[in-house]
């Protein structure tokens, strides 16, 4: 599990950081390019966590049960529920 200090970045720095991330992702015109871009700013563990959360949304839309999702991609029902709820507040 990825651990992050809960102190948030504020103001103009936060806006600039999101702008740069948007630019980085927006310039990726294929899945491979997107993954390459994400590897510039995310650790392998963060990428795996992101992939799992995105996969949860796909599997929930397919109607898969929490139990099957958990077994398939090795996540807890708490994580599945959090993703279904939208995890938390926007950054």
C-alpha atoms as a PDB file:
ATOM      1  CA  UNK A   1       0.000   0.000   0.000  1.00  0.00           C
ATOM      2  CA  UNK A   2       1.230   3.444  -0.899  1.00  0.00           C
ATOM      3  CA  UNK A   3       1.647   5.747   2.088  1.00  0.00           C
ATOM      4  CA  UNK A   4       1.413   9.505   1.673  1.00  0.00           C
ATOM      5  CA  UNK A   5       1.754  12.357   4.135  1.00  0.00           C
ATOM      6  CA  UNK A   6      -1.727  13.857   4.549  1.00  0.00           C
ATOM      7  CA  UNK A   7      -0.514  17.486   4.376  1.00  0.00           C
ATOM      8  CA  UNK A   8      -1.877  18.820   1.096  1.00  0.00           C
ATOM      9  CA  UNK A   9      -0.301  21.201  -1.390  1.00  0.00           C
ATOM     10  CA  UNK A  10      -2.242  24.453  -1.710  1.00  0.00           C
ATOM     11  CA  UNK A  11      -2.807  27.394  -3.994  1.00  0.00           C
ATOM     12  CA  UNK A  12      -0.875  28.169  -7.135  1.00  0.00           C
ATOM     13  CA  UNK A  13       1.615  25.341  -6.643  1.00  0.00           C
ATOM     14  CA  UNK A  14      -1.226  22.810  -6.570  1.00  0.00           C
ATOM     15  CA  UNK A  15      -2.761  24.330  -9.723  1.00  0.00           C
ATOM     16  CA  UNK A  16       0.576  24.283 -11.545  1.00  0.00           C
ATOM     17  CA  UNK A  17       1.245  20.672 -10.504  1.00  0.00           C
ATOM     18  CA  UNK A  18      -2.150  19.530 -11.860  1.00  0.00           C
ATOM     19  CA  UNK A  19      -1.608  21.555 -15.017  1.00  0.00           C
ATOM     20  CA  UNK A  20       1.694  19.783 -15.628  1.00  0.00           C
ATOM     21  CA  UNK A  21       0.158  16.386 -14.952  1.00  0.00           C
ATOM     22  CA  UNK A  22      -2.701  17.165 -17.343  1.00  0.00           C
ATOM     23  CA  UNK A  23      -0.183  18.191 -19.999  1.00  0.00           C
ATOM     24  CA  UNK A  24       1.876  15.047 -19.420  1.00  0.00           C
ATOM     25  CA  UNK A  25      -1.151  12.766 -19.743  1.00  0.00           C
ATOM     26  CA  UNK A  26      -2.759  14.809 -22.515  1.00  0.00           C
ATOM     27  CA  UNK A  27       0.270  14.406 -24.753  1.00  0.00           C
ATOM     28  CA  UNK A  28       0.093  10.614 -24.546  1.00  0.00           C
ATOM     29  CA  UNK A  29      -1.594   9.442 -27.733  1.00  0.00           C
ATOM     30  CA  UNK A  30      -1.459   5.702 -27.036  1.00  0.00           C
ATOM     31  CA  UNK A  31      -1.629   3.367 -24.044  1.00  0.00           C
ATOM     32  CA  UNK A  32       2.137   2.793 -24.232  1.00  0.00           C
ATOM     33  CA  UNK A  33       2.811   6.533 -24.332  1.00  0.00           C
ATOM     34  CA  UNK A  34       0.483   7.056 -21.363  1.00  0.00           C
ATOM     35  CA  UNK A  35       2.254   4.390 -19.330  1.00  0.00           C
ATOM     36  CA  UNK A  36       5.625   5.897 -20.221  1.00  0.00           C
ATOM     37  CA  UNK A  37       4.367   9.315 -19.107  1.00  0.00           C
ATOM     38  CA  UNK A  38       2.989   7.943 -15.841  1.00  0.00           C
ATOM     39  CA  UNK A  39       6.301   6.211 -15.099  1.00  0.00           C
ATOM     40  CA  UNK A  40       7.921   9.658 -15.100  1.00  0.00           C
ATOM     41  CA  UNK A  41       5.909  10.745 -12.062  1.00  0.00           C
ATOM     42  CA  UNK A  42       4.636   7.569 -10.346  1.00  0.00           C
ATOM     43  CA  UNK A  43       6.413   4.703  -8.636  1.00  0.00           C
ATOM     44  CA  UNK A  44       5.711   1.133  -9.775  1.00  0.00           C
ATOM     45  CA  UNK A  45       3.549   0.630  -6.655  1.00  0.00           C
ATOM     46  CA  UNK A  46       1.517   3.755  -7.451  1.00  0.00           C
ATOM     47  CA  UNK A  47       0.960   2.557 -11.023  1.00  0.00           C
ATOM     48  CA  UNK A  48      -0.230  -0.842  -9.786  1.00  0.00           C
ATOM     49  CA  UNK A  49      -2.617   0.837  -7.337  1.00  0.00           C
ATOM     50  CA  UNK A  50      -3.978   3.038 -10.144  1.00  0.00           C
ATOM     51  CA  UNK A  51      -4.376   0.055 -12.491  1.00  0.00           C
ATOM     52  CA  UNK A  52      -6.256  -1.889  -9.836  1.00  0.00           C
ATOM     53  CA  UNK A  53      -8.608   0.990  -9.095  1.00  0.00           C
ATOM     54  CA  UNK A  54      -9.321   1.483 -12.789  1.00  0.00           C
ATOM     55  CA  UNK A  55      -9.884  -2.265 -13.189  1.00  0.00           C
ATOM     56  CA  UNK A  56     -12.348  -2.215 -10.280  1.00  0.00           C
ATOM     57  CA  UNK A  57     -14.503   0.303 -12.153  1.00  0.00           C
ATOM     58  CA  UNK A  58     -14.499  -1.915 -15.252  1.00  0.00           C
ATOM     59  CA  UNK A  59     -15.360  -5.055 -13.302  1.00  0.00           C
ATOM     60  CA  UNK A  60     -18.125  -3.334 -11.324  1.00  0.00           C
ATOM     61  CA  UNK A  61     -19.660  -2.107 -14.592  1.00  0.00           C
ATOM     62  CA  UNK A  62     -19.589  -5.704 -15.815  1.00  0.00           C
ATOM     63  CA  UNK A  63     -21.602  -6.681 -12.749  1.00  0.00           C
ATOM     64  CA  UNK A  64     -18.892  -8.728 -11.073  1.00  0.00           C
ATOM     65  CA  UNK A  65     -19.290  -9.363  -7.345  1.00  0.00           C
ATOM     66  CA  UNK A  66     -16.938  -7.875  -4.766  1.00  0.00           C
ATOM     67  CA  UNK A  67     -15.730 -11.380  -3.906  1.00  0.00           C
ATOM     68  CA  UNK A  68     -14.824 -12.215  -7.510  1.00  0.00           C
ATOM     69  CA  UNK A  69     -13.141  -8.852  -8.041  1.00  0.00           C
ATOM     70  CA  UNK A  70     -11.127  -9.321  -4.846  1.00  0.00           C
ATOM     71  CA  UNK A  71      -9.912 -12.732  -5.911  1.00  0.00           C
ATOM     72  CA  UNK A  72      -9.197 -11.713  -9.501  1.00  0.00           C
ATOM     73  CA  UNK A  73      -7.045  -8.647  -8.806  1.00  0.00           C
ATOM     74  CA  UNK A  74      -6.143  -9.157  -5.127  1.00  0.00           C
ATOM     75  CA  UNK A  75      -7.954  -6.216  -3.556  1.00  0.00           C
ATOM     76  CA  UNK A  76     -10.090  -5.987  -0.436  1.00  0.00           C
ATOM     77  CA  UNK A  77     -13.821  -5.326  -0.334  1.00  0.00           C
ATOM     78  CA  UNK A  78     -12.968  -2.054   1.455  1.00  0.00           C
ATOM     79  CA  UNK A  79     -10.956  -0.911  -1.576  1.00  0.00           C
ATOM     80  CA  UNK A  80     -13.717  -1.975  -3.963  1.00  0.00           C
ATOM     81  CA  UNK A  81     -16.311  -0.122  -1.912  1.00  0.00           C
ATOM     82  CA  UNK A  82     -14.125   2.995  -1.747  1.00  0.00           C
ATOM     83  CA  UNK A  83     -13.681   3.006  -5.519  1.00  0.00           C
ATOM     84  CA  UNK A  84     -17.407   2.482  -6.021  1.00  0.00           C
ATOM     85  CA  UNK A  85     -18.134   5.470  -3.732  1.00  0.00           C
ATOM     86  CA  UNK A  86     -15.576   7.610  -5.532  1.00  0.00           C
ATOM     87  CA  UNK A  87     -12.825   7.066  -2.934  1.00  0.00           C
ATOM     88  CA  UNK A  88     -12.828  10.498  -1.374  1.00  0.00           C
ATOM     89  CA  UNK A  89     -12.741  14.152  -2.044  1.00  0.00           C
ATOM     90  CA  UNK A  90     -11.225  15.601  -5.194  1.00  0.00           C
ATOM     91  CA  UNK A  91      -7.630  16.808  -4.934  1.00  0.00           C
END
